[in-house]
PDB file of N, CA and C in Angstrom:
ATOM      1  N   UNK A   1      30.950  37.901  -3.622  1.00  0.00           N
ATOM      2  CA  UNK A   1      31.945  37.324  -2.743  1.00  0.00           C
ATOM      3  C   UNK A   1      31.245  36.750  -1.513  1.00  0.00           C
ATOM      4  N   UNK A   2      31.672  35.605  -1.088  1.00  0.00           N
ATOM      5  CA  UNK A   2      31.080  34.898   0.043  1.00  0.00           C
ATOM      6  C   UNK A   2      31.285  35.695   1.339  1.00  0.00           C
ATOM      7  N   UNK A   3      30.190  35.976   2.054  1.00  0.00           N
ATOM      8  CA  UNK A   3      30.251  36.753   3.293  1.00  0.00           C
ATOM      9  C   UNK A   3      31.123  36.087   4.346  1.00  0.00           C
ATOM     10  N   UNK A   4      31.108  34.769   4.402  1.00  0.00           N
ATOM     11  CA  UNK A   4      31.906  34.060   5.394  1.00  0.00           C
ATOM     12  C   UNK A   4      33.394  34.228   5.111  1.00  0.00           C
ATOM     13  N   UNK A   5      33.792  34.210   3.846  1.00  0.00           N
ATOM     14  CA  UNK A   5      35.190  34.429   3.477  1.00  0.00           C
ATOM     15  C   UNK A   5      35.604  35.838   3.887  1.00  0.00           C
ATOM     16  N   UNK A   6      34.778  36.805   3.592  1.00  0.00           N
ATOM     17  CA  UNK A   6      35.072  38.192   3.963  1.00  0.00           C
ATOM     18  C   UNK A   6      35.251  38.292   5.473  1.00  0.00           C
ATOM     19  N   UNK A   7      34.328  37.731   6.221  1.00  0.00           N
ATOM     20  CA  UNK A   7      34.393  37.819   7.669  1.00  0.00           C
ATOM     21  C   UNK A   7      35.638  37.113   8.211  1.00  0.00           C
ATOM     22  N   UNK A   8      35.980  35.974   7.654  1.00  0.00           N
ATOM     23  CA  UNK A   8      37.166  35.252   8.113  1.00  0.00           C
ATOM     24  C   UNK A   8      38.445  36.052   7.857  1.00  0.00           C
ATOM     25  N   UNK A   9      38.550  36.675   6.703  1.00  0.00           N
ATOM     26  CA  UNK A   9      39.728  37.497   6.401  1.00  0.00           C
ATOM     27  C   UNK A   9      39.812  38.669   7.376  1.00  0.00           C
ATOM     28  N   UNK A  10      38.710  39.353   7.580  1.00  0.00           N
ATOM     29  CA  UNK A  10      38.724  40.522   8.465  1.00  0.00           C
ATOM     30  C   UNK A  10      39.018  40.131   9.908  1.00  0.00           C
ATOM     31  N   UNK A  11      38.489  39.007  10.356  1.00  0.00           N
ATOM     32  CA  UNK A  11      38.796  38.517  11.706  1.00  0.00           C
ATOM     33  C   UNK A  11      40.287  38.181  11.805  1.00  0.00           C
ATOM     34  N   UNK A  12      40.842  37.562  10.772  1.00  0.00           N
ATOM     35  CA  UNK A  12      42.273  37.225  10.777  1.00  0.00           C
ATOM     36  C   UNK A  12      43.123  38.485  10.884  1.00  0.00           C
ATOM     37  N   UNK A  13      42.784  39.509  10.127  1.00  0.00           N
ATOM     38  CA  UNK A  13      43.538  40.765  10.173  1.00  0.00           C
ATOM     39  C   UNK A  13      43.497  41.356  11.577  1.00  0.00           C
ATOM     40  N   UNK A  14      42.354  41.295  12.201  1.00  0.00           N
ATOM     41  CA  UNK A  14      42.220  41.889  13.534  1.00  0.00           C
ATOM     42  C   UNK A  14      43.023  41.143  14.594  1.00  0.00           C
ATOM     43  N   UNK A  15      43.504  39.942  14.293  1.00  0.00           N
ATOM     44  CA  UNK A  15      44.308  39.197  15.253  1.00  0.00           C
ATOM     45  C   UNK A  15      45.786  39.557  15.175  1.00  0.00           C
ATOM     46  N   UNK A  16      46.187  40.296  14.146  1.00  0.00           N
ATOM     47  CA  UNK A  16      47.595  40.684  14.007  1.00  0.00           C
ATOM     48  C   UNK A  16      47.911  41.706  15.104  1.00  0.00           C
ATOM     49  N   UNK A  17      48.885  41.392  15.955  1.00  0.00           N
ATOM     50  CA  UNK A  17      49.176  42.299  17.072  1.00  0.00           C
ATOM     51  C   UNK A  17      49.747  43.643  16.623  1.00  0.00           C
ATOM     52  N   UNK A  18      49.530  44.631  17.444  1.00  0.00           N
ATOM     53  CA  UNK A  18      50.120  45.946  17.222  1.00  0.00           C
ATOM     54  C   UNK A  18      51.630  45.804  17.115  1.00  0.00           C
ATOM     55  N   UNK A  19      52.224  46.525  16.170  1.00  0.00           N
ATOM     56  CA  UNK A  19      53.664  46.475  15.972  1.00  0.00           C
ATOM     57  C   UNK A  19      54.122  45.349  15.082  1.00  0.00           C
ATOM     58  N   UNK A  20      53.173  44.591  14.537  1.00  0.00           N
ATOM     59  CA  UNK A  20      53.494  43.460  13.661  1.00  0.00           C
ATOM     60  C   UNK A  20      52.771  43.611  12.327  1.00  0.00           C
ATOM     61  N   UNK A  21      53.287  42.907  11.332  1.00  0.00           N
ATOM     62  CA  UNK A  21      52.642  42.846  10.024  1.00  0.00           C
ATOM     63  C   UNK A  21      52.555  41.395   9.585  1.00  0.00           C
ATOM     64  N   UNK A  22      51.725  41.157   8.605  1.00  0.00           N
ATOM     65  CA  UNK A  22      51.646  39.872   7.910  1.00  0.00           C
ATOM     66  C   UNK A  22      51.492  40.162   6.432  1.00  0.00           C
ATOM     67  N   UNK A  23      51.791  39.167   5.630  1.00  0.00           N
ATOM     68  CA  UNK A  23      51.609  39.330   4.185  1.00  0.00           C
ATOM     69  C   UNK A  23      50.233  38.806   3.781  1.00  0.00           C
ATOM     70  N   UNK A  24      49.833  39.178   2.585  1.00  0.00           N
ATOM     71  CA  UNK A  24      48.588  38.641   2.035  1.00  0.00           C
ATOM     72  C   UNK A  24      48.655  37.116   2.004  1.00  0.00           C
ATOM     73  N   UNK A  25      49.834  36.585   1.673  1.00  0.00           N
ATOM     74  CA  UNK A  25      50.015  35.141   1.638  1.00  0.00           C
ATOM     75  C   UNK A  25      49.882  34.492   3.005  1.00  0.00           C
ATOM     76  N   UNK A  26      50.393  35.171   4.040  1.00  0.00           N
ATOM     77  CA  UNK A  26      50.245  34.649   5.401  1.00  0.00           C
ATOM     78  C   UNK A  26      48.765  34.514   5.750  1.00  0.00           C
ATOM     79  N   UNK A  27      48.000  35.558   5.440  1.00  0.00           N
ATOM     80  CA  UNK A  27      46.563  35.531   5.731  1.00  0.00           C
ATOM     81  C   UNK A  27      45.854  34.487   4.884  1.00  0.00           C
ATOM     82  N   UNK A  28      46.256  34.385   3.628  1.00  0.00           N
ATOM     83  CA  UNK A  28      45.636  33.411   2.732  1.00  0.00           C
ATOM     84  C   UNK A  28      45.810  32.000   3.263  1.00  0.00           C
ATOM     85  N   UNK A  29      47.011  31.679   3.722  1.00  0.00           N
ATOM     86  CA  UNK A  29      47.267  30.348   4.265  1.00  0.00           C
ATOM     87  C   UNK A  29      46.433  30.112   5.522  1.00  0.00           C
ATOM     88  N   UNK A  30      46.331  31.125   6.348  1.00  0.00           N
ATOM     89  CA  UNK A  30      45.572  31.017   7.590  1.00  0.00           C
ATOM     90  C   UNK A  30      44.089  30.765   7.328  1.00  0.00           C
ATOM     91  N   UNK A  31      43.531  31.505   6.366  1.00  0.00           N
ATOM     92  CA  UNK A  31      42.093  31.442   6.082  1.00  0.00           C
ATOM     93  C   UNK A  31      41.743  30.310   5.118  1.00  0.00           C
ATOM     94  N   UNK A  32      42.721  29.877   4.317  1.00  0.00           N
ATOM     95  CA  UNK A  32      42.472  28.790   3.372  1.00  0.00           C
ATOM     96  C   UNK A  32      41.970  29.259   2.021  1.00  0.00           C
ATOM     97  N   UNK A  33      42.436  30.438   1.596  1.00  0.00           N
ATOM     98  CA  UNK A  33      42.093  30.988   0.284  1.00  0.00           C
ATOM     99  C   UNK A  33      43.374  31.491  -0.371  1.00  0.00           C
ATOM    100  N   UNK A  34      43.273  32.049  -1.556  1.00  0.00           N
ATOM    101  CA  UNK A  34      44.446  32.585  -2.231  1.00  0.00           C
ATOM    102  C   UNK A  34      44.760  34.016  -1.818  1.00  0.00           C
ATOM    103  N   UNK A  35      46.029  34.425  -1.942  1.00  0.00           N
ATOM    104  CA  UNK A  35      46.418  35.771  -1.555  1.00  0.00           C
ATOM    105  C   UNK A  35      45.740  36.874  -2.363  1.00  0.00           C
ATOM    106  N   UNK A  36      45.432  36.606  -3.605  1.00  0.00           N
ATOM    107  CA  UNK A  36      44.731  37.623  -4.406  1.00  0.00           C
ATOM    108  C   UNK A  36      43.323  37.869  -3.866  1.00  0.00           C
ATOM    109  N   UNK A  37      42.683  36.813  -3.394  1.00  0.00           N
ATOM    110  CA  UNK A  37      41.355  36.980  -2.804  1.00  0.00           C
ATOM    111  C   UNK A  37      41.447  37.752  -1.491  1.00  0.00           C
ATOM    112  N   UNK A  38      42.495  37.508  -0.720  1.00  0.00           N
ATOM    113  CA  UNK A  38      42.707  38.307   0.495  1.00  0.00           C
ATOM    114  C   UNK A  38      42.836  39.784   0.113  1.00  0.00           C
ATOM    115  N   UNK A  39      43.630  40.056  -0.903  1.00  0.00           N
ATOM    116  CA  UNK A  39      43.794  41.439  -1.367  1.00  0.00           C
ATOM    117  C   UNK A  39      42.480  42.051  -1.812  1.00  0.00           C
ATOM    118  N   UNK A  40      41.685  41.281  -2.490  1.00  0.00           N
ATOM    119  CA  UNK A  40      40.375  41.774  -2.947  1.00  0.00           C
ATOM    120  C   UNK A  40      39.463  42.083  -1.761  1.00  0.00           C
ATOM    121  N   UNK A  41      39.425  41.176  -0.792  1.00  0.00           N
ATOM    122  CA  UNK A  41      38.619  41.407   0.409  1.00  0.00           C
ATOM    123  C   UNK A  41      39.097  42.677   1.100  1.00  0.00           C
ATOM    124  N   UNK A  42      40.398  42.815   1.237  1.00  0.00           N
ATOM    125  CA  UNK A  42      40.930  43.988   1.933  1.00  0.00           C
ATOM    126  C   UNK A  42      40.614  45.277   1.177  1.00  0.00           C
ATOM    127  N   UNK A  43      40.694  45.234  -0.137  1.00  0.00           N
ATOM    128  CA  UNK A  43      40.426  46.459  -0.906  1.00  0.00           C
ATOM    129  C   UNK A  43      38.963  46.866  -0.835  1.00  0.00           C
ATOM    130  N   UNK A  44      38.076  45.891  -0.730  1.00  0.00           N
ATOM    131  CA  UNK A  44      36.647  46.201  -0.694  1.00  0.00           C
ATOM    132  C   UNK A  44      36.093  46.417   0.709  1.00  0.00           C
ATOM    133  N   UNK A  45      36.623  45.670   1.692  1.00  0.00           N
ATOM    134  CA  UNK A  45      36.000  45.652   3.020  1.00  0.00           C
ATOM    135  C   UNK A  45      36.956  45.941   4.176  1.00  0.00           C
ATOM    136  N   UNK A  46      38.211  46.161   3.893  1.00  0.00           N
ATOM    137  CA  UNK A  46      39.212  46.261   4.948  1.00  0.00           C
ATOM    138  C   UNK A  46      39.360  47.601   5.637  1.00  0.00           C
ATOM    139  N   UNK A  47      38.561  48.579   5.263  1.00  0.00           N
ATOM    140  CA  UNK A  47      38.721  49.920   5.821  1.00  0.00           C
ATOM    141  C   UNK A  47      38.454  50.056   7.303  1.00  0.00           C
ATOM    142  N   UNK A  48      37.735  49.114   7.897  1.00  0.00           N
ATOM    143  CA  UNK A  48      37.406  49.213   9.317  1.00  0.00           C
ATOM    144  C   UNK A  48      38.216  48.274  10.201  1.00  0.00           C
ATOM    145  N   UNK A  49      39.242  47.656   9.637  1.00  0.00           N
ATOM    146  CA  UNK A  49      40.131  46.801  10.425  1.00  0.00           C
ATOM    147  C   UNK A  49      41.547  47.375  10.325  1.00  0.00           C
ATOM    148  N   UNK A  50      42.487  46.749  10.988  1.00  0.00           N
ATOM    149  CA  UNK A  50      43.868  47.233  11.023  1.00  0.00           C
ATOM    150  C   UNK A  50      44.610  46.870   9.730  1.00  0.00           C
ATOM    151  N   UNK A  51      44.119  47.387   8.628  1.00  0.00           N
ATOM    152  CA  UNK A  51      44.612  47.070   7.290  1.00  0.00           C
ATOM    153  C   UNK A  51      46.085  47.421   7.101  1.00  0.00           C
ATOM    154  N   UNK A  52      46.598  48.391   7.848  1.00  0.00           N
ATOM    155  CA  UNK A  52      47.987  48.820   7.689  1.00  0.00           C
ATOM    156  C   UNK A  52      48.970  47.749   8.165  1.00  0.00           C
ATOM    157  N   UNK A  53      48.477  46.694   8.764  1.00  0.00           N
ATOM    158  CA  UNK A  53      49.335  45.598   9.211  1.00  0.00           C
ATOM    159  C   UNK A  53      49.451  44.497   8.161  1.00  0.00           C
ATOM    160  N   UNK A  54      48.915  44.725   6.976  1.00  0.00           N
ATOM    161  CA  UNK A  54      48.961  43.730   5.889  1.00  0.00           C
ATOM    162  C   UNK A  54      49.785  44.304   4.745  1.00  0.00           C
ATOM    163  N   UNK A  55      50.842  43.572   4.374  1.00  0.00           N
ATOM    164  CA  UNK A  55      51.756  44.020   3.328  1.00  0.00           C
ATOM    165  C   UNK A  55      51.893  42.926   2.273  1.00  0.00           C
ATOM    166  N   UNK A  56      52.697  43.214   1.258  1.00  0.00           N
ATOM    167  CA  UNK A  56      53.025  42.142   0.323  1.00  0.00           C
ATOM    168  C   UNK A  56      54.122  41.276   0.949  1.00  0.00           C
ATOM    169  N   UNK A  57      54.577  40.276   0.255  1.00  0.00           N
ATOM    170  CA  UNK A  57      55.543  39.320   0.800  1.00  0.00           C
ATOM    171  C   UNK A  57      56.882  39.962   1.149  1.00  0.00           C
ATOM    172  N   UNK A  58      57.167  41.125   0.587  1.00  0.00           N
ATOM    173  CA  UNK A  58      58.417  41.834   0.878  1.00  0.00           C
ATOM    174  C   UNK A  58      58.266  42.858   1.997  1.00  0.00           C
ATOM    175  N   UNK A  59      57.062  42.997   2.520  1.00  0.00           N
ATOM    176  CA  UNK A  59      56.813  44.009   3.548  1.00  0.00           C
ATOM    177  C   UNK A  59      56.461  45.363   2.978  1.00  0.00           C
ATOM    178  N   UNK A  60      56.239  45.419   1.670  1.00  0.00           N
ATOM    179  CA  UNK A  60      55.964  46.679   0.998  1.00  0.00           C
ATOM    180  C   UNK A  60      54.466  46.952   0.887  1.00  0.00           C
ATOM    181  N   UNK A  61      54.163  48.217   0.718  1.00  0.00           N
ATOM    182  CA  UNK A  61      52.787  48.691   0.529  1.00  0.00           C
ATOM    183  C   UNK A  61      52.710  49.490  -0.757  1.00  0.00           C
ATOM    184  N   UNK A  62      51.518  49.588  -1.350  1.00  0.00           N
ATOM    185  CA  UNK A  62      51.382  50.430  -2.534  1.00  0.00           C
ATOM    186  C   UNK A  62      51.695  51.890  -2.179  1.00  0.00           C
ATOM    187  N   UNK A  63      52.379  52.603  -3.064  1.00  0.00           N
ATOM    188  CA  UNK A  63      52.767  53.989  -2.780  1.00  0.00           C
ATOM    189  C   UNK A  63      51.613  54.895  -2.357  1.00  0.00           C
ATOM    190  N   UNK A  64      50.418  54.679  -2.898  1.00  0.00           N
ATOM    191  CA  UNK A  64      49.309  55.565  -2.561  1.00  0.00           C
ATOM    192  C   UNK A  64      48.851  55.415  -1.105  1.00  0.00           C
ATOM    193  N   UNK A  65      49.331  54.393  -0.399  1.00  0.00           N
ATOM    194  CA  UNK A  65      48.966  54.204   1.007  1.00  0.00           C
ATOM    195  C   UNK A  65      50.033  54.693   1.989  1.00  0.00           C
ATOM    196  N   UNK A  66      51.217  55.024   1.492  1.00  0.00           N
ATOM    197  CA  UNK A  66      52.329  55.371   2.370  1.00  0.00           C
ATOM    198  C   UNK A  66      51.989  56.489   3.356  1.00  0.00           C
ATOM    199  N   UNK A  67      51.432  57.576   2.880  1.00  0.00           N
ATOM    200  CA  UNK A  67      51.142  58.704   3.770  1.00  0.00           C
ATOM    201  C   UNK A  67      50.124  58.338   4.844  1.00  0.00           C
ATOM    202  N   UNK A  68      49.195  57.486   4.508  1.00  0.00           N
ATOM    203  CA  UNK A  68      48.173  57.066   5.461  1.00  0.00           C
ATOM    204  C   UNK A  68      48.733  56.075   6.493  1.00  0.00           C
ATOM    205  N   UNK A  69      49.699  55.279   6.078  1.00  0.00           N
ATOM    206  CA  UNK A  69      50.264  54.249   6.945  1.00  0.00           C
ATOM    207  C   UNK A  69      51.325  54.812   7.897  1.00  0.00           C
ATOM    208  N   UNK A  70      52.061  55.823   7.474  1.00  0.00           N
ATOM    209  CA  UNK A  70      53.178  56.332   8.281  1.00  0.00           C
ATOM    210  C   UNK A  70      52.819  56.601   9.740  1.00  0.00           C
ATOM    211  N   UNK A  71      51.743  57.324  10.034  1.00  0.00           N
ATOM    212  CA  UNK A  71      51.443  57.577  11.449  1.00  0.00           C
ATOM    213  C   UNK A  71      51.059  56.303  12.216  1.00  0.00           C
ATOM    214  N   UNK A  72      50.383  55.384  11.539  1.00  0.00           N
ATOM    215  CA  UNK A  72      50.004  54.125  12.189  1.00  0.00           C
ATOM    216  C   UNK A  72      51.249  53.318  12.565  1.00  0.00           C
ATOM    217  N   UNK A  73      52.152  53.176  11.597  1.00  0.00           N
ATOM    218  CA  UNK A  73      53.365  52.402  11.848  1.00  0.00           C
ATOM    219  C   UNK A  73      54.236  53.095  12.889  1.00  0.00           C
ATOM    220  N   UNK A  74      54.340  54.415  12.833  1.00  0.00           N
ATOM    221  CA  UNK A  74      55.146  55.140  13.823  1.00  0.00           C
ATOM    222  C   UNK A  74      54.603  54.893  15.227  1.00  0.00           C
ATOM    223  N   UNK A  75      53.299  54.946  15.370  1.00  0.00           N
ATOM    224  CA  UNK A  75      52.671  54.715  16.668  1.00  0.00           C
ATOM    225  C   UNK A  75      52.929  53.300  17.182  1.00  0.00           C
ATOM    226  N   UNK A  76      52.999  52.340  16.262  1.00  0.00           N
ATOM    227  CA  UNK A  76      53.186  50.940  16.639  1.00  0.00           C
ATOM    228  C   UNK A  76      54.651  50.510  16.657  1.00  0.00           C
ATOM    229  N   UNK A  77      55.572  51.410  16.282  1.00  0.00           N
ATOM    230  CA  UNK A  77      56.992  51.079  16.311  1.00  0.00           C
ATOM    231  C   UNK A  77      57.494  50.324  15.099  1.00  0.00           C
ATOM    232  N   UNK A  78      56.726  50.309  14.036  1.00  0.00           N
ATOM    233  CA  UNK A  78      57.156  49.658  12.788  1.00  0.00           C
ATOM    234  C   UNK A  78      57.958  50.683  11.998  1.00  0.00           C
ATOM    235  N   UNK A  79      59.185  50.337  11.657  1.00  0.00           N
ATOM    236  CA  UNK A  79      60.048  51.265  10.936  1.00  0.00           C
ATOM    237  C   UNK A  79      60.110  50.927   9.449  1.00  0.00           C
ATOM    238  N   UNK A  80      60.373  51.938   8.666  1.00  0.00           N
ATOM    239  CA  UNK A  80      60.440  51.808   7.209  1.00  0.00           C
ATOM    240  C   UNK A  80      61.822  51.348   6.769  1.00  0.00           C
ATOM    241  N   UNK A  81      61.844  50.577   5.691  1.00  0.00           N
ATOM    242  CA  UNK A  81      63.104  50.207   5.061  1.00  0.00           C
ATOM    243  C   UNK A  81      63.711  51.473   4.456  1.00  0.00           C
ATOM    244  N   UNK A  82      65.024  51.473   4.248  1.00  0.00           N
ATOM    245  CA  UNK A  82      65.649  52.648   3.633  1.00  0.00           C
ATOM    246  C   UNK A  82      65.045  53.028   2.274  1.00  0.00           C
ATOM    247  N   UNK A  83      64.505  52.055   1.538  1.00  0.00           N
ATOM    248  CA  UNK A  83      63.925  52.372   0.228  1.00  0.00           C
ATOM    249  C   UNK A  83      62.562  53.057   0.354  1.00  0.00           C
ATOM    250  N   UNK A  84      62.005  53.116   1.576  1.00  0.00           N
ATOM    251  CA  UNK A  84      60.750  53.825   1.806  1.00  0.00           C
ATOM    252  C   UNK A  84      59.505  53.151   1.258  1.00  0.00           C
ATOM    253  N   UNK A  85      59.597  51.879   0.895  1.00  0.00           N
ATOM    254  CA  UNK A  85      58.437  51.184   0.308  1.00  0.00           C
ATOM    255  C   UNK A  85      57.630  50.392   1.329  1.00  0.00           C
ATOM    256  N   UNK A  86      58.227  50.117   2.480  1.00  0.00           N
ATOM    257  CA  UNK A  86      57.558  49.309   3.486  1.00  0.00           C
ATOM    258  C   UNK A  86      58.515  48.985   4.607  1.00  0.00           C
ATOM    259  N   UNK A  87      58.241  47.905   5.299  1.00  0.00           N
ATOM    260  CA  UNK A  87      59.089  47.494   6.422  1.00  0.00           C
ATOM    261  C   UNK A  87      59.827  46.210   6.065  1.00  0.00           C
ATOM    262  N   UNK A  88      60.829  45.895   6.860  1.00  0.00           N
ATOM    263  CA  UNK A  88      61.518  44.606   6.717  1.00  0.00           C
ATOM    264  C   UNK A  88      60.618  43.569   7.359  1.00  0.00           C
ATOM    265  N   UNK A  89      59.902  42.823   6.533  1.00  0.00           N
ATOM    266  CA  UNK A  89      58.888  41.906   7.049  1.00  0.00           C
ATOM    267  C   UNK A  89      59.488  40.885   8.020  1.00  0.00           C
ATOM    268  N   UNK A  90      60.715  40.485   7.799  1.00  0.00           N
ATOM    269  CA  UNK A  90      61.317  39.508   8.709  1.00  0.00           C
ATOM    270  C   UNK A  90      61.503  40.083  10.113  1.00  0.00           C
ATOM    271  N   UNK A  91      61.597  41.394  10.224  1.00  0.00           N
ATOM    272  CA  UNK A  91      61.750  42.043  11.531  1.00  0.00           C
ATOM    273  C   UNK A  91      60.414  42.287  12.225  1.00  0.00           C
ATOM    274  N   UNK A  92      59.334  42.387  11.459  1.00  0.00           N
ATOM    275  CA  UNK A  92      58.045  42.783  12.027  1.00  0.00           C
ATOM    276  C   UNK A  92      56.920  41.768  11.824  1.00  0.00           C
ATOM    277  N   UNK A  93      57.216  40.647  11.169  1.00  0.00           N
ATOM    278  CA  UNK A  93      56.168  39.648  10.923  1.00  0.00           C
ATOM    279  C   UNK A  93      55.646  39.095  12.251  1.00  0.00           C
ATOM    280  N   UNK A  94      54.341  38.999  12.334  1.00  0.00           N
ATOM    281  CA  UNK A  94      53.700  38.420  13.516  1.00  0.00           C
ATOM    282  C   UNK A  94      54.132  36.970  13.670  1.00  0.00           C
ATOM    283  N   UNK A  95      54.080  36.472  14.872  1.00  0.00           N
ATOM    284  CA  UNK A  95      54.326  35.054  15.148  1.00  0.00           C
ATOM    285  C   UNK A  95      53.159  34.288  14.517  1.00  0.00           C
ATOM    286  N   UNK A  96      53.421  33.621  13.412  1.00  0.00           N
ATOM    287  CA  UNK A  96      52.341  33.000  12.645  1.00  0.00           C
ATOM    288  C   UNK A  96      51.686  31.841  13.382  1.00  0.00           C
ATOM    289  N   UNK A  97      52.439  31.130  14.205  1.00  0.00           N
ATOM    290  CA  UNK A  97      51.841  30.038  14.986  1.00  0.00           C
ATOM    291  C   UNK A  97      50.860  30.611  16.017  1.00  0.00           C
ATOM    292  N   UNK A  98      51.256  31.679  16.684  1.00  0.00           N
ATOM    293  CA  UNK A  98      50.365  32.306  17.662  1.00  0.00           C
ATOM    294  C   UNK A  98      49.176  32.946  16.961  1.00  0.00           C
ATOM    295  N   UNK A  99      49.413  33.526  15.795  1.00  0.00           N
ATOM    296  CA  UNK A  99      48.322  34.121  15.021  1.00  0.00           C
ATOM    297  C   UNK A  99      47.280  33.056  14.683  1.00  0.00           C
ATOM    298  N   UNK A 100      47.733  31.867  14.317  1.00  0.00           N
ATOM    299  CA  UNK A 100      46.801  30.783  13.986  1.00  0.00           C
ATOM    300  C   UNK A 100      45.957  30.399  15.197  1.00  0.00           C
ATOM    301  N   UNK A 101      46.574  30.331  16.365  1.00  0.00           N
ATOM    302  CA  UNK A 101      45.841  30.016  17.589  1.00  0.00           C
ATOM    303  C   UNK A 101      44.814  31.111  17.880  1.00  0.00           C
ATOM    304  N   UNK A 102      45.258  32.361  17.806  1.00  0.00           N
ATOM    305  CA  UNK A 102      44.359  33.489  18.076  1.00  0.00           C
ATOM    306  C   UNK A 102      43.205  33.542  17.078  1.00  0.00           C
ATOM    307  N   UNK A 103      43.521  33.250  15.820  1.00  0.00           N
ATOM    308  CA  UNK A 103      42.489  33.238  14.775  1.00  0.00           C
ATOM    309  C   UNK A 103      41.443  32.159  15.048  1.00  0.00           C
ATOM    310  N   UNK A 104      41.902  30.962  15.368  1.00  0.00           N
ATOM    311  CA  UNK A 104      40.962  29.868  15.639  1.00  0.00           C
ATOM    312  C   UNK A 104      40.049  30.211  16.810  1.00  0.00           C
ATOM    313  N   UNK A 105      40.604  30.829  17.836  1.00  0.00           N
ATOM    314  CA  UNK A 105      39.780  31.244  18.980  1.00  0.00           C
ATOM    315  C   UNK A 105      38.780  32.318  18.557  1.00  0.00           C
ATOM    316  N   UNK A 106      39.226  33.253  17.731  1.00  0.00           N
ATOM    317  CA  UNK A 106      38.380  34.381  17.333  1.00  0.00           C
ATOM    318  C   UNK A 106      37.239  33.977  16.411  1.00  0.00           C
ATOM    319  N   UNK A 107      37.488  32.995  15.532  1.00  0.00           N
ATOM    320  CA  UNK A 107      36.410  32.631  14.613  1.00  0.00           C
ATOM    321  C   UNK A 107      35.364  31.772  15.296  1.00  0.00           C
ATOM    322  N   UNK A 108      35.775  31.079  16.360  1.00  0.00           N
ATOM    323  CA  UNK A 108      34.829  30.309  17.150  1.00  0.00           C
ATOM    324  C   UNK A 108      33.720  29.676  16.342  1.00  0.00           C
ATOM    325  N   UNK A 109      32.526  30.229  16.454  1.00  0.00           N
ATOM    326  CA  UNK A 109      31.361  29.647  15.798  1.00  0.00           C
ATOM    327  C   UNK A 109      30.934  30.428  14.559  1.00  0.00           C
ATOM    328  N   UNK A 110      31.874  31.070  13.870  1.00  0.00           N
ATOM    329  CA  UNK A 110      31.510  31.813  12.656  1.00  0.00           C
ATOM    330  C   UNK A 110      30.704  30.974  11.683  1.00  0.00           C
ATOM    331  N   UNK A 111      31.133  29.737  11.460  1.00  0.00           N
ATOM    332  CA  UNK A 111      30.448  28.872  10.513  1.00  0.00           C
ATOM    333  C   UNK A 111      29.027  28.572  10.937  1.00  0.00           C
ATOM    334  N   UNK A 112      28.785  28.507  12.241  1.00  0.00           N
ATOM    335  CA  UNK A 112      27.452  28.197  12.745  1.00  0.00           C
ATOM    336  C   UNK A 112      26.500  29.373  12.628  1.00  0.00           C
ATOM    337  N   UNK A 113      27.053  30.584  12.565  1.00  0.00           N
ATOM    338  CA  UNK A 113      26.195  31.775  12.505  1.00  0.00           C
ATOM    339  C   UNK A 113      25.668  32.036  11.100  1.00  0.00           C
ATOM    340  N   UNK A 114      26.243  31.383  10.103  1.00  0.00           N
ATOM    341  CA  UNK A 114      25.811  31.653   8.718  1.00  0.00           C
ATOM    342  C   UNK A 114      25.086  30.474   8.155  1.00  0.00           C
TER     343      UNK A 114
END
């Protein structure tokens, strides 16, 4: 996997504000790759970033992550849907326009460093 793609995905995740979530598709559009590749990057390299702020398009998370995510979301004020699978993404989705601005500022000279 391309190191620059990995770094861009992880930088994008770190721009998601506390109390907000984004979908894999949101990140994919921001970075210019597919959502499955975002998921792959997150599964392999996402452990040191705010991974709990990334959900599927419905705001859901895989069941095996629920116990790990609960304290993070509680601390950030993200509430669970009644079905217990995730959050209402429309209520907690980050401002995608602002995320794009923050991402562009954060990546700065990433391309020049590689």
